[in-house]
Amino acid sequence: MADFQILFQDSGSAARRGLLTTSHGKVETPAFIPVGTVGAVKGISPQQLKETGADIVLANTYHLLLRPGVEAVEALGGLHKFMAWNEPILTDSGGYQIFSLSGLTKVDDDGVEFSSHVDGTKIYLNAETATEIQNRLGADIIMCFDECAPSGADIQQLKKTVERTVRWAERCKQAHRNSRQMLFAIVQGGINAELRTHCAGELVKLDFDGYAIGGLSVGEGHEDMIKTAAHTTQQLPKDKPRYLMGVGRPADIIAAVKAGVDMFDCVLPTRNGRNAFAFTENGPLRLRNNAHIGDSAPIEGGCDCYCCKNFSRGTLRHFFNIGEMLGPILVSLHNLRFYQRLTAKIRELIEKNEFSDWSAKQLKSIDY
């Protein structure tokens, strides 16, 4: 039975500590969701992912529709069986691909025609088909089909994306057929506070299981992102989970939790890990640098991840410089564990009512 409880509220900010119960288990919030776009977090086994502390993982409707196809996923036992992940899963609707693959899409008020980035095949998605596909995939949390405007879009374009997003959300709710799944709506409107208020208000009237803040982290910058997220959370119900999509850097997460956000997803831990960029509490490390040739220290002293317990910076540098695939895997594991340690610390500080002071200090000093 899907349910969301707020367990603790920070007295100095809008931060809250919650528990989201889904059909496949519980998610401690604030939560960071690793991204497994095509059914796997790149280079990471489900067992390794669980060992980083992840409660939930994300997969993408558009990409799974292209390959291997929803029928294949169903034939293989559904998405949880397909991914070998018997924990909560969230699927994005494919709406973000309207933005990210804009050169391959044709959008109208009914839906979107995509030219597959794989082979050019024409694919049509709208509110009904995106919902049906997600119903069939079987994720625990599914997203309404929406339209994300690019950073710098003019007011008329923003208004059009908001109108479509609200209209499509209503159609998604009508089409939703799987009662075991939570359906989240997505608030759009760029960094325009008036449009965010309008979009959130219209979606709240439709009464969804949760609400996402979309259309950010597309080039608007940290300050505008957090200002918009903070404004939007104030328009949303206090008893429903709030999800900031595609975010982000540690500083973004800390500031957004302070603004009342409960859930995040981002490719940064694994994308950066594959490029020898490691997150630490003292700032980032670039492990290809010559300074690490003879360095016997782990990426981060005190980190309990498999990488830090077994491998030195010097060894990791060697793996990257010779093209050994273990290097990207190990640093991705560390980064995933770093993000889970960060959100676990945030949850603990909210429980102790110490988050507000800690976050203020962190946001003054953190530069990544």
Protein backbone atom coordinates (compact mmCIF):
# COMPACT_ATOMS: atom_id res chain seq x y z
CA MET A 1 0.00 0.00 0.00
CA ALA A 2 1.48 3.33 -1.08
CA ASP A 3 1.88 5.80 1.75
CA PHE A 4 4.00 8.80 2.73
CA GLN A 5 4.68 9.85 6.31
CA ILE A 6 6.59 12.87 7.57
CA LEU A 7 8.49 11.68 10.63
CA PHE A 8 10.45 14.81 11.55
CA GLN A 9 10.32 18.48 10.54
CA ASP A 10 13.36 20.76 10.81
CA SER A 11 12.45 23.80 12.91
CA GLY A 12 14.84 26.14 11.08
CA SER A 13 13.91 25.34 7.49
CA ALA A 14 11.40 23.51 5.29
CA ALA A 15 13.47 20.29 5.44
CA ARG A 16 11.61 17.17 6.51
CA ARG A 17 12.46 13.53 7.17
CA GLY A 18 9.98 11.06 5.77
CA LEU A 19 9.15 7.48 4.89
CA LEU A 20 7.65 6.54 1.54
CA THR A 21 6.07 3.08 1.43
CA THR A 22 5.67 1.44 -1.98
CA SER A 23 4.59 -1.97 -3.24
CA HIS A 24 8.21 -3.17 -3.20
CA GLY A 25 9.40 -1.62 0.05
CA LYS A 26 10.16 1.57 1.89
CA VAL A 27 12.18 4.60 0.82
CA GLU A 28 13.79 6.79 3.49
CA THR A 29 13.55 10.48 2.55
CA PRO A 30 15.30 12.71 1.70
CA ALA A 31 16.37 10.11 -0.85
CA PHE A 32 18.84 10.03 -3.71
CA ILE A 33 17.76 7.82 -6.63
CA PRO A 34 20.52 6.32 -8.80
CA VAL A 35 19.79 6.41 -12.51
CA GLY A 36 19.47 3.11 -14.40
CA THR A 37 18.11 4.56 -17.63
CA VAL A 38 18.00 1.36 -19.71
CA GLY A 39 17.41 -1.06 -16.84
CA ALA A 40 20.82 -0.97 -15.15
CA VAL A 41 23.00 1.57 -13.38
CA LYS A 42 26.02 1.62 -15.70
CA GLY A 43 28.63 -0.93 -14.65
CA ILE A 44 27.02 -1.61 -11.26
CA SER A 45 25.33 -4.86 -10.25
CA PRO A 46 22.06 -4.69 -8.29
CA GLN A 47 23.82 -6.24 -5.28
CA GLN A 48 26.54 -3.59 -5.39
CA LEU A 49 23.90 -0.89 -5.76
CA LYS A 50 22.03 -2.14 -2.69
CA GLU A 51 25.31 -2.16 -0.75
CA THR A 52 25.76 1.57 -1.47
CA GLY A 53 22.57 2.18 0.55
CA ALA A 54 20.16 2.83 -2.32
CA ASP A 55 16.48 2.16 -1.56
CA ILE A 56 15.17 2.94 -5.04
CA VAL A 57 16.39 3.16 -8.64
CA LEU A 58 15.16 5.00 -11.75
CA ALA A 59 14.56 3.62 -15.26
CA ASN A 60 13.34 5.43 -18.37
CA THR A 61 10.20 4.65 -20.36
CA TYR A 62 11.41 6.04 -23.70
CA HIS A 63 14.68 4.10 -23.68
CA LEU A 64 13.09 0.82 -22.54
CA LEU A 65 10.39 1.23 -25.18
CA LEU A 66 13.08 1.43 -27.87
CA ARG A 67 15.15 -1.44 -26.54
CA PRO A 68 14.23 -4.13 -25.63
CA GLY A 69 10.55 -3.07 -25.86
CA VAL A 70 7.76 -3.32 -23.30
CA GLU A 71 6.69 -6.75 -24.59
CA ALA A 72 10.18 -8.13 -23.98
CA VAL A 73 10.26 -6.73 -20.44
CA GLU A 74 6.85 -8.28 -19.75
CA ALA A 75 7.97 -11.63 -21.20
CA LEU A 76 11.00 -11.56 -18.89
CA GLY A 77 8.81 -11.11 -15.81
CA GLY A 78 8.32 -7.35 -15.55
CA LEU A 79 10.75 -4.57 -14.73
CA HIS A 80 11.74 -5.75 -11.23
CA LYS A 81 12.64 -9.22 -12.51
CA PHE A 82 14.26 -7.75 -15.63
CA MET A 83 16.53 -5.53 -13.48
CA ALA A 84 17.02 -8.15 -10.73
CA TRP A 85 15.97 -5.42 -8.29
CA ASN A 86 13.19 -6.44 -5.91
CA GLU A 87 13.11 -2.96 -4.36
CA PRO A 88 11.24 0.22 -5.35
CA ILE A 89 11.64 1.45 -8.93
CA LEU A 90 10.61 4.80 -10.42
CA THR A 91 10.12 5.21 -14.16
CA ASP A 92 10.34 8.55 -15.93
CA SER A 93 7.60 8.96 -18.53
CA GLY A 94 9.78 9.90 -21.49
CA GLY A 95 8.65 13.51 -21.33
CA TYR A 96 12.20 14.76 -20.68
CA GLN A 97 13.25 13.31 -24.06
CA ILE A 98 11.02 15.93 -25.72
CA PHE A 99 13.61 18.40 -24.43
CA SER A 100 16.83 16.36 -24.60
CA LEU A 101 16.14 14.95 -28.08
CA SER A 102 14.48 18.09 -29.43
CA GLY A 103 16.15 17.68 -32.82
CA LEU A 104 14.45 14.30 -33.22
CA THR A 105 10.96 15.21 -31.99
CA LYS A 106 7.77 16.78 -33.29
CA VAL A 107 5.42 18.02 -30.56
CA ASP A 108 1.75 18.94 -30.76
CA ASP A 109 -1.04 19.27 -28.23
CA ASP A 110 -1.84 15.56 -28.36
CA GLY A 111 1.66 14.14 -27.91
CA VAL A 112 5.12 13.68 -29.39
CA GLU A 113 6.51 11.91 -32.42
CA PHE A 114 10.08 10.77 -31.89
CA SER A 115 12.61 9.63 -34.43
CA SER A 116 14.52 6.92 -32.59
CA HIS A 117 18.07 8.00 -31.80
CA VAL A 118 19.02 4.35 -32.45
CA ASP A 119 17.71 3.72 -35.96
CA GLY A 120 15.39 6.59 -36.89
CA THR A 121 12.17 4.59 -36.45
CA LYS A 122 9.13 6.78 -35.79
CA ILE A 123 7.68 6.40 -32.28
CA TYR A 124 4.62 8.18 -30.95
CA LEU A 125 4.11 8.89 -27.26
CA ASN A 126 1.26 10.73 -25.59
CA ALA A 127 -0.27 10.82 -22.12
CA GLU A 128 -2.19 7.60 -22.61
CA THR A 129 0.57 5.53 -24.22
CA ALA A 130 3.24 6.72 -21.76
CA THR A 131 0.97 5.76 -18.86
CA GLU A 132 0.02 2.40 -20.36
CA ILE A 133 3.68 1.51 -20.97
CA GLN A 134 4.59 2.40 -17.38
CA ASN A 135 1.60 0.42 -16.08
CA ARG A 136 2.89 -2.59 -18.00
CA LEU A 137 6.52 -2.16 -16.96
CA GLY A 138 5.33 -2.28 -13.36
CA ALA A 139 7.47 0.31 -11.56
CA ASP A 140 6.32 1.39 -8.08
CA ILE A 141 6.29 5.10 -8.94
CA ILE A 142 5.42 6.33 -12.42
CA MET A 143 5.48 9.84 -13.83
CA CYS A 144 2.96 11.83 -15.82
CA PHE A 145 3.90 12.72 -19.39
CA ASP A 146 5.02 16.36 -19.48
CA GLU A 147 6.84 18.93 -21.57
CA CYS A 148 10.03 20.61 -20.37
CA ALA A 149 10.90 24.00 -21.83
CA PRO A 150 14.57 24.86 -22.48
CA SER A 151 16.37 27.38 -20.29
CA GLY A 152 15.73 30.90 -21.57
CA ALA A 153 12.38 30.03 -23.20
CA ASP A 154 10.12 33.05 -23.67
CA ILE A 155 6.88 33.48 -21.74
CA GLN A 156 4.68 32.23 -24.57
CA GLN A 157 6.65 29.00 -24.90
CA LEU A 158 6.59 28.52 -21.12
CA LYS A 159 2.81 29.04 -21.03
CA LYS A 160 2.35 26.48 -23.78
CA THR A 161 4.44 23.86 -21.97
CA VAL A 162 2.51 24.47 -18.73
CA GLU A 163 -0.86 24.15 -20.51
CA ARG A 164 0.22 20.91 -22.16
CA THR A 165 1.71 19.53 -18.95
CA VAL A 166 -1.52 20.11 -17.00
CA ARG A 167 -3.71 18.74 -19.79
CA TRP A 168 -1.50 15.68 -20.23
CA ALA A 169 -1.41 15.07 -16.46
CA GLU A 170 -5.21 14.94 -16.35
CA ARG A 171 -5.19 12.44 -19.21
CA CYS A 172 -2.48 10.37 -17.48
CA LYS A 173 -4.59 10.14 -14.35
CA GLN A 174 -7.60 9.01 -16.38
CA ALA A 175 -5.49 6.41 -18.21
CA HIS A 176 -3.74 5.05 -15.08
CA ARG A 177 -4.79 1.42 -14.54
CA ASN A 178 -2.36 -0.08 -12.00
CA SER A 179 -3.44 0.58 -8.41
CA ARG A 180 -0.14 -0.78 -7.06
CA GLN A 181 1.70 2.16 -8.61
CA MET A 182 1.96 5.72 -7.32
CA LEU A 183 1.41 8.35 -10.03
CA PHE A 184 3.36 11.62 -9.69
CA ALA A 185 2.55 14.80 -11.61
CA ILE A 186 5.31 17.15 -12.77
CA VAL A 187 5.22 20.91 -12.20
CA GLN A 188 6.65 22.97 -15.07
CA GLY A 189 7.00 26.71 -15.71
CA GLY A 190 10.70 27.45 -16.06
CA ILE A 191 11.91 29.94 -13.44
CA ASN A 192 8.70 31.97 -13.70
CA ALA A 193 7.11 31.99 -10.24
CA GLU A 194 3.63 32.89 -11.51
CA LEU A 195 3.57 30.00 -13.98
CA ARG A 196 4.94 27.59 -11.36
CA THR A 197 2.14 28.65 -9.00
CA HIS A 198 -0.47 28.18 -11.69
CA CYS A 199 0.86 24.79 -12.81
CA ALA A 200 1.16 23.47 -9.26
CA GLY A 201 -2.33 24.71 -8.38
CA GLU A 202 -3.94 22.98 -11.35
CA LEU A 203 -2.10 19.71 -10.67
CA VAL A 204 -2.92 19.75 -6.94
CA LYS A 205 -6.63 19.99 -7.86
CA LEU A 206 -6.23 16.64 -9.64
CA ASP A 207 -4.86 15.02 -6.44
CA PHE A 208 -1.83 12.94 -7.39
CA ASP A 209 0.17 10.59 -5.14
CA GLY A 210 3.19 12.88 -5.30
CA TYR A 211 4.55 15.88 -7.17
CA ALA A 212 7.77 16.42 -9.06
CA ILE A 213 9.49 19.68 -9.92
CA GLY A 214 10.63 19.39 -13.52
CA GLY A 215 12.29 21.71 -15.97
CA LEU A 216 15.23 22.65 -13.74
CA SER A 217 18.93 21.83 -14.00
CA VAL A 218 18.71 22.77 -17.69
CA GLY A 219 21.08 25.73 -17.56
CA GLU A 220 19.37 28.23 -15.25
CA GLY A 221 22.07 28.10 -12.56
CA HIS A 222 22.06 27.09 -8.89
CA GLU A 223 20.50 30.25 -7.47
CA ASP A 224 17.53 30.31 -9.84
CA MET A 225 17.08 26.55 -9.48
CA ILE A 226 16.84 26.67 -5.71
CA LYS A 227 14.71 29.82 -5.68
CA THR A 228 12.26 28.15 -8.09
CA ALA A 229 12.27 24.85 -6.18
CA ALA A 230 11.63 26.65 -2.89
CA HIS A 231 8.74 28.61 -4.40
CA THR A 232 7.24 25.48 -5.96
CA THR A 233 7.37 23.35 -2.80
CA GLN A 234 5.32 26.02 -1.05
CA GLN A 235 2.53 25.44 -3.58
CA LEU A 236 2.43 21.67 -3.00
CA PRO A 237 0.62 19.61 -0.33
CA LYS A 238 2.65 19.04 2.81
CA ASP A 239 1.53 15.40 3.08
CA LYS A 240 2.74 14.32 -0.39
CA PRO A 241 6.31 13.52 -1.51
CA ARG A 242 8.16 16.16 -3.54
CA TYR A 243 10.70 15.12 -6.15
CA LEU A 244 13.23 17.44 -7.83
CA MET A 245 14.08 15.76 -11.11
CA GLY A 246 17.60 15.55 -12.54
CA VAL A 247 19.36 17.16 -9.56
CA GLY A 248 22.19 17.16 -8.83
CA ARG A 249 25.38 18.38 -7.26
CA PRO A 250 25.82 18.00 -3.48
CA ALA A 251 25.23 21.73 -2.97
CA ASP A 252 22.01 21.51 -5.01
CA ILE A 253 20.71 18.63 -2.90
CA ILE A 254 21.50 20.29 0.44
CA ALA A 255 19.85 23.56 -0.62
CA ALA A 256 16.81 21.81 -2.10
CA VAL A 257 16.29 19.69 1.04
CA LYS A 258 16.35 22.96 2.97
CA ALA A 259 13.58 24.15 0.62
CA GLY A 260 11.40 21.10 1.38
CA VAL A 261 12.31 18.60 -1.37
CA ASP A 262 12.21 14.86 -0.52
CA MET A 263 13.62 13.03 -3.55
CA PHE A 264 16.35 13.51 -6.15
CA ASP A 265 17.85 11.67 -9.08
CA CYS A 266 20.96 12.43 -11.10
CA VAL A 267 23.52 10.75 -13.37
CA LEU A 268 26.45 12.67 -11.82
CA PRO A 269 27.73 9.93 -9.47
CA THR A 270 28.15 7.40 -12.27
CA ARG A 271 28.87 9.74 -15.19
CA ASN A 272 31.57 11.49 -13.21
CA GLY A 273 32.82 8.18 -11.84
CA ARG A 274 33.38 6.91 -15.37
CA ASN A 275 35.48 10.01 -15.99
CA ALA A 276 37.79 9.62 -12.96
CA PHE A 277 36.00 12.35 -10.96
CA ALA A 278 35.37 11.35 -7.35
CA PHE A 279 33.20 13.20 -4.83
CA THR A 280 34.52 13.61 -1.28
CA GLU A 281 33.53 15.67 1.75
CA ASN A 282 36.61 17.83 1.11
CA GLY A 283 35.81 18.47 -2.51
CA PRO A 284 36.30 16.59 -5.77
CA LEU A 285 39.30 14.47 -6.76
CA ARG A 286 40.44 14.05 -10.36
CA LEU A 287 42.10 10.68 -10.34
CA ARG A 288 43.95 10.89 -13.66
CA ASN A 289 46.24 13.59 -12.22
CA ASN A 290 49.94 12.73 -11.89
CA ALA A 291 49.80 13.72 -8.22
CA HIS A 292 48.17 10.34 -7.52
CA ILE A 293 50.84 8.12 -9.15
CA GLY A 294 52.29 6.89 -5.83
CA ASP A 295 49.37 7.83 -3.57
CA SER A 296 48.45 4.91 -1.32
CA ALA A 297 45.50 6.69 0.31
CA PRO A 298 41.91 5.73 -0.56
CA ILE A 299 39.69 8.23 -2.35
CA GLU A 300 38.29 9.30 1.02
CA GLY A 301 39.48 8.33 4.47
CA GLY A 302 36.62 7.00 6.57
CA CYS A 303 34.46 6.05 3.58
CA ASP A 304 33.09 2.53 3.99
CA CYS A 305 32.58 1.76 0.28
CA TYR A 306 34.19 -1.27 -1.37
CA CYS A 307 36.49 0.97 -3.42
CA CYS A 308 37.86 2.93 -0.47
CA LYS A 309 38.32 -0.20 1.67
CA ASN A 310 40.38 -1.97 -1.00
CA PHE A 311 41.97 0.36 -3.55
CA SER A 312 44.38 3.31 -3.48
CA ARG A 313 44.26 6.48 -5.50
CA GLY A 314 47.43 5.34 -7.25
CA THR A 315 45.84 2.06 -8.33
CA LEU A 316 42.72 3.83 -9.55
CA ARG A 317 44.80 6.29 -11.58
CA HIS A 318 46.59 3.33 -13.18
CA PHE A 319 43.28 1.65 -14.08
CA PHE A 320 42.01 4.80 -15.81
CA ASN A 321 45.25 5.46 -17.65
CA ILE A 322 45.40 1.96 -19.15
CA GLY A 323 41.68 1.80 -19.94
CA GLU A 324 40.89 -0.92 -17.39
CA MET A 325 37.09 -1.04 -16.92
CA LEU A 326 37.45 -1.65 -13.18
CA GLY A 327 38.50 1.98 -12.67
CA PRO A 328 35.17 3.52 -13.76
CA ILE A 329 33.24 0.85 -11.85
CA LEU A 330 35.10 1.45 -8.60
CA VAL A 331 34.85 5.25 -8.69
CA SER A 332 31.16 5.00 -9.63
CA LEU A 333 30.66 2.77 -6.58
CA HIS A 334 32.40 5.31 -4.37
CA ASN A 335 30.37 8.20 -5.77
CA LEU A 336 27.09 6.32 -5.34
CA ARG A 337 28.04 5.56 -1.74
CA PHE A 338 29.04 9.22 -1.21
CA TYR A 339 25.56 10.36 -2.28
CA GLN A 340 23.87 7.80 -0.02
CA ARG A 341 26.10 8.82 2.91
CA LEU A 342 25.19 12.46 2.22
CA THR A 343 21.43 11.83 2.28
CA ALA A 344 21.75 9.55 5.32
CA LYS A 345 23.59 12.33 7.15
CA ILE A 346 20.91 14.82 6.12
CA ARG A 347 18.18 12.53 7.47
CA GLU A 348 20.05 12.11 10.76
CA LEU A 349 20.55 15.86 11.15
CA ILE A 350 16.86 16.56 10.48
CA GLU A 351 15.94 14.02 13.18
CA LYS A 352 18.25 15.82 15.61
CA ASN A 353 16.91 19.22 14.49
CA GLU A 354 20.48 20.21 13.56
CA PHE A 355 20.10 20.35 9.79
CA SER A 356 19.48 24.09 9.42
CA ASP A 357 22.73 25.16 11.09
CA TRP A 358 24.77 22.44 9.36
CA SER A 359 23.34 23.23 5.91
CA ALA A 360 24.06 26.94 6.28
CA LYS A 361 27.73 26.19 7.00
CA GLN A 362 27.95 23.64 4.19
CA LEU A 363 26.45 25.96 1.60
CA LYS A 364 28.96 28.68 2.48
CA SER A 365 31.94 26.38 2.02
CA ILE A 366 30.91 23.77 -0.58
CA ASP A 367 31.79 24.54 -4.19
CA TYR A 368 30.58 21.43 -5.99
